[in-house]
Amino acid sequence: MAESVTTADLYEGTYYLLGGCELEGIEATRLNGSICCKLTFRGERLAALQREYFGGGASVPLFAFRRSFGQINALVYTAKKKARGRLRREQAAAGGEA
């Protein structure tokens, strides 16, 4: 059975992606006046990958890591942009009703 983990750390998420995990989704939420994204990953090896990452034993091929990090960063940027637009529309609607 595949495990699931949520993180806001893009480096950690990239490590999971390179470890064979699947990016299930990105959730953008408001946090202290800004937008924060949480990445959810699913995979059979998540527990082992977490132990390696947090234990300081993570090792990756640099070029592949850099490319995957860029992809995740672009997805997060898009999610934040959509969330900002949604918040502006909600604020405008609330202001227009008052």
N, C-alpha and C. Protein backbone atom coordinates (compact mmCIF):
# COMPACT_ATOMS: atom_id res chain seq x y z
N MET A 1 0.84 -1.18 0.00
CA MET A 1 0.00 0.00 0.00
C MET A 1 0.88 1.25 0.00
N ALA A 2 0.57 2.18 -0.88
CA ALA A 2 1.36 3.40 -1.00
C ALA A 2 1.11 4.33 0.18
N GLU A 3 2.18 4.97 0.62
CA GLU A 3 2.10 5.94 1.70
C GLU A 3 1.94 7.33 1.11
N SER A 4 1.54 8.28 1.94
CA SER A 4 1.34 9.65 1.50
C SER A 4 1.97 10.60 2.50
N VAL A 5 2.53 11.72 2.00
CA VAL A 5 3.13 12.73 2.86
C VAL A 5 2.90 14.10 2.22
N THR A 6 2.74 15.11 3.07
CA THR A 6 2.55 16.49 2.63
C THR A 6 3.69 17.33 3.17
N THR A 7 4.25 18.19 2.33
CA THR A 7 5.36 19.05 2.72
C THR A 7 5.27 20.39 2.00
N ALA A 8 5.85 21.41 2.59
CA ALA A 8 5.98 22.71 1.94
C ALA A 8 7.43 22.94 1.49
N ASP A 9 8.30 21.99 1.76
CA ASP A 9 9.73 22.07 1.43
C ASP A 9 9.95 21.56 0.00
N LEU A 10 10.31 22.45 -0.91
CA LEU A 10 10.49 22.06 -2.31
C LEU A 10 11.66 21.11 -2.51
N TYR A 11 12.71 21.25 -1.71
CA TYR A 11 13.85 20.34 -1.82
C TYR A 11 13.44 18.92 -1.39
N GLU A 12 12.73 18.86 -0.30
CA GLU A 12 12.23 17.56 0.19
C GLU A 12 11.32 16.93 -0.86
N GLY A 13 10.41 17.71 -1.41
CA GLY A 13 9.50 17.21 -2.42
C GLY A 13 10.23 16.72 -3.66
N THR A 14 11.24 17.45 -4.07
CA THR A 14 12.02 17.04 -5.24
C THR A 14 12.72 15.71 -4.97
N TYR A 15 13.20 15.53 -3.76
CA TYR A 15 13.85 14.27 -3.39
C TYR A 15 12.86 13.11 -3.50
N TYR A 16 11.63 13.32 -3.03
CA TYR A 16 10.62 12.27 -3.13
C TYR A 16 10.30 11.96 -4.59
N LEU A 17 10.22 12.99 -5.40
CA LEU A 17 9.93 12.81 -6.82
C LEU A 17 11.02 11.98 -7.49
N LEU A 18 12.27 12.31 -7.21
CA LEU A 18 13.38 11.55 -7.78
C LEU A 18 13.45 10.13 -7.23
N GLY A 19 12.89 9.92 -6.03
CA GLY A 19 12.86 8.60 -5.42
C GLY A 19 11.74 7.72 -5.96
N GLY A 20 11.01 8.22 -6.94
CA GLY A 20 9.97 7.41 -7.57
C GLY A 20 8.56 7.69 -7.07
N CYS A 21 8.39 8.69 -6.24
CA CYS A 21 7.06 9.02 -5.73
C CYS A 21 6.30 9.88 -6.73
N GLU A 22 5.00 9.90 -6.57
CA GLU A 22 4.13 10.66 -7.46
C GLU A 22 3.62 11.91 -6.75
N LEU A 23 3.69 13.04 -7.44
CA LEU A 23 3.13 14.27 -6.91
C LEU A 23 1.63 14.21 -7.12
N GLU A 24 0.89 14.05 -6.01
CA GLU A 24 -0.57 13.90 -6.08
C GLU A 24 -1.28 15.23 -6.23
N GLY A 25 -0.74 16.27 -5.62
CA GLY A 25 -1.41 17.56 -5.70
C GLY A 25 -0.65 18.66 -5.01
N ILE A 26 -1.08 19.88 -5.33
CA ILE A 26 -0.53 21.08 -4.70
C ILE A 26 -1.70 21.88 -4.18
N GLU A 27 -1.63 22.23 -2.89
CA GLU A 27 -2.69 23.03 -2.28
C GLU A 27 -2.11 24.37 -1.84
N ALA A 28 -2.67 25.44 -2.38
CA ALA A 28 -2.23 26.78 -2.01
C ALA A 28 -3.16 27.32 -0.92
N THR A 29 -2.56 27.80 0.17
CA THR A 29 -3.34 28.37 1.27
C THR A 29 -2.72 29.69 1.69
N ARG A 30 -3.52 30.51 2.33
CA ARG A 30 -3.04 31.79 2.83
C ARG A 30 -2.38 31.56 4.19
N LEU A 31 -1.20 32.16 4.38
CA LEU A 31 -0.46 32.00 5.62
C LEU A 31 0.24 33.31 5.94
N ASN A 32 -0.18 33.96 7.02
CA ASN A 32 0.44 35.23 7.47
C ASN A 32 0.50 36.27 6.35
N GLY A 33 -0.57 36.41 5.59
CA GLY A 33 -0.64 37.42 4.55
C GLY A 33 -0.02 37.04 3.22
N SER A 34 0.56 35.85 3.13
CA SER A 34 1.11 35.41 1.85
C SER A 34 0.52 34.05 1.49
N ILE A 35 0.91 33.54 0.35
CA ILE A 35 0.41 32.25 -0.12
C ILE A 35 1.48 31.19 0.10
N CYS A 36 1.10 30.09 0.71
CA CYS A 36 1.99 28.95 0.96
C CYS A 36 1.43 27.74 0.22
N CYS A 37 2.30 26.95 -0.37
CA CYS A 37 1.85 25.75 -1.07
C CYS A 37 2.33 24.50 -0.35
N LYS A 38 1.40 23.55 -0.24
CA LYS A 38 1.72 22.25 0.33
C LYS A 38 1.66 21.22 -0.79
N LEU A 39 2.71 20.42 -0.89
CA LEU A 39 2.82 19.39 -1.91
C LEU A 39 2.51 18.05 -1.28
N THR A 40 1.66 17.26 -1.92
CA THR A 40 1.33 15.93 -1.41
C THR A 40 1.91 14.88 -2.36
N PHE A 41 2.68 13.96 -1.79
CA PHE A 41 3.32 12.89 -2.56
C PHE A 41 2.80 11.54 -2.09
N ARG A 42 2.78 10.59 -3.01
CA ARG A 42 2.37 9.23 -2.71
C ARG A 42 3.42 8.29 -3.30
N GLY A 43 3.77 7.27 -2.51
CA GLY A 43 4.75 6.31 -3.00
C GLY A 43 5.01 5.20 -2.01
N GLU A 44 5.46 4.10 -2.52
CA GLU A 44 5.75 2.93 -1.68
C GLU A 44 6.97 3.15 -0.78
N ARG A 45 7.92 3.97 -1.24
CA ARG A 45 9.19 4.13 -0.53
C ARG A 45 9.27 5.40 0.32
N LEU A 46 8.14 6.06 0.55
CA LEU A 46 8.18 7.35 1.24
C LEU A 46 8.86 7.29 2.61
N ALA A 47 8.56 6.30 3.40
CA ALA A 47 9.15 6.22 4.75
C ALA A 47 10.67 6.12 4.67
N ALA A 48 11.17 5.30 3.76
CA ALA A 48 12.62 5.15 3.59
C ALA A 48 13.24 6.44 3.07
N LEU A 49 12.58 7.08 2.13
CA LEU A 49 13.08 8.34 1.59
C LEU A 49 13.10 9.43 2.65
N GLN A 50 12.09 9.47 3.52
CA GLN A 50 12.07 10.44 4.61
C GLN A 50 13.24 10.20 5.57
N ARG A 51 13.48 8.94 5.90
CA ARG A 51 14.61 8.63 6.81
C ARG A 51 15.92 9.09 6.19
N GLU A 52 16.12 8.82 4.89
CA GLU A 52 17.35 9.25 4.22
C GLU A 52 17.47 10.77 4.21
N TYR A 53 16.38 11.45 3.85
CA TYR A 53 16.40 12.91 3.72
C TYR A 53 16.68 13.58 5.06
N PHE A 54 15.91 13.24 6.07
CA PHE A 54 16.06 13.88 7.37
C PHE A 54 17.27 13.37 8.14
N GLY A 55 17.78 12.21 7.78
CA GLY A 55 18.97 11.67 8.43
C GLY A 55 20.27 12.16 7.81
N GLY A 56 20.15 12.95 6.75
CA GLY A 56 21.35 13.50 6.11
C GLY A 56 22.00 12.55 5.12
N GLY A 57 21.33 11.46 4.78
CA GLY A 57 21.91 10.49 3.86
C GLY A 57 21.38 10.59 2.44
N ALA A 58 20.69 11.66 2.14
CA ALA A 58 20.11 11.81 0.81
C ALA A 58 21.20 12.07 -0.22
N SER A 59 21.13 11.34 -1.32
CA SER A 59 22.09 11.51 -2.41
C SER A 59 21.30 11.49 -3.72
N VAL A 60 21.59 12.46 -4.58
CA VAL A 60 20.85 12.57 -5.85
C VAL A 60 21.79 12.91 -6.98
N PRO A 61 21.41 12.53 -8.21
CA PRO A 61 22.16 13.03 -9.36
C PRO A 61 21.81 14.51 -9.55
N LEU A 62 22.80 15.36 -9.51
CA LEU A 62 22.57 16.81 -9.46
C LEU A 62 21.75 17.34 -10.63
N PHE A 63 22.06 16.94 -11.85
CA PHE A 63 21.35 17.47 -13.00
C PHE A 63 19.87 17.09 -12.95
N ALA A 64 19.58 15.85 -12.63
CA ALA A 64 18.18 15.40 -12.53
C ALA A 64 17.46 16.14 -11.41
N PHE A 65 18.16 16.36 -10.28
CA PHE A 65 17.56 17.08 -9.16
C PHE A 65 17.23 18.51 -9.57
N ARG A 66 18.17 19.16 -10.24
CA ARG A 66 17.97 20.54 -10.66
C ARG A 66 16.78 20.66 -11.61
N ARG A 67 16.66 19.75 -12.55
CA ARG A 67 15.54 19.78 -13.50
C ARG A 67 14.21 19.54 -12.79
N SER A 68 14.17 18.55 -11.92
CA SER A 68 12.93 18.25 -11.19
C SER A 68 12.56 19.40 -10.25
N PHE A 69 13.55 20.00 -9.61
CA PHE A 69 13.29 21.14 -8.73
C PHE A 69 12.67 22.28 -9.54
N GLY A 70 13.19 22.53 -10.72
CA GLY A 70 12.65 23.58 -11.58
C GLY A 70 11.20 23.31 -11.96
N GLN A 71 10.88 22.05 -12.23
CA GLN A 71 9.51 21.68 -12.58
C GLN A 71 8.57 21.90 -11.40
N ILE A 72 8.97 21.45 -10.22
CA ILE A 72 8.14 21.63 -9.03
C ILE A 72 7.98 23.11 -8.72
N ASN A 73 9.06 23.87 -8.83
CA ASN A 73 9.01 25.29 -8.56
C ASN A 73 8.03 25.99 -9.52
N ALA A 74 8.02 25.59 -10.79
CA ALA A 74 7.09 26.18 -11.76
C ALA A 74 5.65 25.82 -11.42
N LEU A 75 5.40 24.59 -10.98
CA LEU A 75 4.05 24.19 -10.59
C LEU A 75 3.57 24.98 -9.37
N VAL A 76 4.47 25.19 -8.41
CA VAL A 76 4.13 25.96 -7.21
C VAL A 76 3.85 27.41 -7.58
N TYR A 77 4.65 27.98 -8.47
CA TYR A 77 4.43 29.35 -8.92
C TYR A 77 3.04 29.49 -9.55
N THR A 78 2.67 28.54 -10.39
CA THR A 78 1.35 28.57 -11.03
C THR A 78 0.24 28.45 -10.00
N ALA A 79 0.40 27.57 -9.03
CA ALA A 79 -0.62 27.39 -7.98
C ALA A 79 -0.77 28.67 -7.16
N LYS A 80 0.34 29.33 -6.85
CA LYS A 80 0.28 30.58 -6.08
C LYS A 80 -0.40 31.68 -6.90
N LYS A 81 -0.08 31.75 -8.17
CA LYS A 81 -0.69 32.76 -9.04
C LYS A 81 -2.21 32.57 -9.12
N LYS A 82 -2.64 31.33 -9.27
CA LYS A 82 -4.08 31.04 -9.30
C LYS A 82 -4.74 31.39 -7.97
N ALA A 83 -4.07 31.08 -6.87
CA ALA A 83 -4.62 31.37 -5.54
C ALA A 83 -4.73 32.88 -5.32
N ARG A 84 -3.73 33.63 -5.77
CA ARG A 84 -3.80 35.10 -5.63
C ARG A 84 -4.98 35.65 -6.42
N GLY A 85 -5.17 35.15 -7.64
CA GLY A 85 -6.29 35.60 -8.46
C GLY A 85 -7.63 35.27 -7.82
N ARG A 86 -7.73 34.06 -7.26
CA ARG A 86 -8.96 33.64 -6.57
C ARG A 86 -9.24 34.54 -5.37
N LEU A 87 -8.20 34.84 -4.60
CA LEU A 87 -8.36 35.72 -3.43
C LEU A 87 -8.79 37.12 -3.84
N ARG A 88 -8.21 37.65 -4.93
CA ARG A 88 -8.61 38.98 -5.41
C ARG A 88 -10.08 38.99 -5.82
N ARG A 89 -10.51 37.95 -6.53
CA ARG A 89 -11.91 37.85 -6.96
C ARG A 89 -12.84 37.75 -5.74
N GLU A 90 -12.44 36.97 -4.75
CA GLU A 90 -13.26 36.83 -3.54
C GLU A 90 -13.35 38.16 -2.79
N GLN A 91 -12.23 38.87 -2.69
CA GLN A 91 -12.23 40.17 -2.01
C GLN A 91 -13.07 41.18 -2.78
N ALA A 92 -12.98 41.16 -4.09
CA ALA A 92 -13.77 42.09 -4.91
C ALA A 92 -15.26 41.79 -4.76
N ALA A 93 -15.61 40.51 -4.75
CA ALA A 93 -17.02 40.12 -4.58
C ALA A 93 -17.54 40.53 -3.20
N ALA A 94 -16.71 40.35 -2.19
CA ALA A 94 -17.12 40.73 -0.84
C ALA A 94 -17.26 42.24 -0.72
N GLY A 95 -16.38 42.98 -1.37
CA GLY A 95 -16.44 44.43 -1.34
C GLY A 95 -17.60 44.97 -2.15
N GLY A 96 -17.96 44.26 -3.22
CA GLY A 96 -19.07 44.70 -4.07
C GLY A 96 -20.41 44.46 -3.45
N GLU A 97 -20.49 43.52 -2.51
CA GLU A 97 -21.77 43.19 -1.87
C GLU A 97 -22.08 44.10 -0.70
N ALA A 98 -21.06 44.71 -0.12
CA ALA A 98 -21.25 45.52 1.10
C ALA A 98 -21.90 46.85 0.82
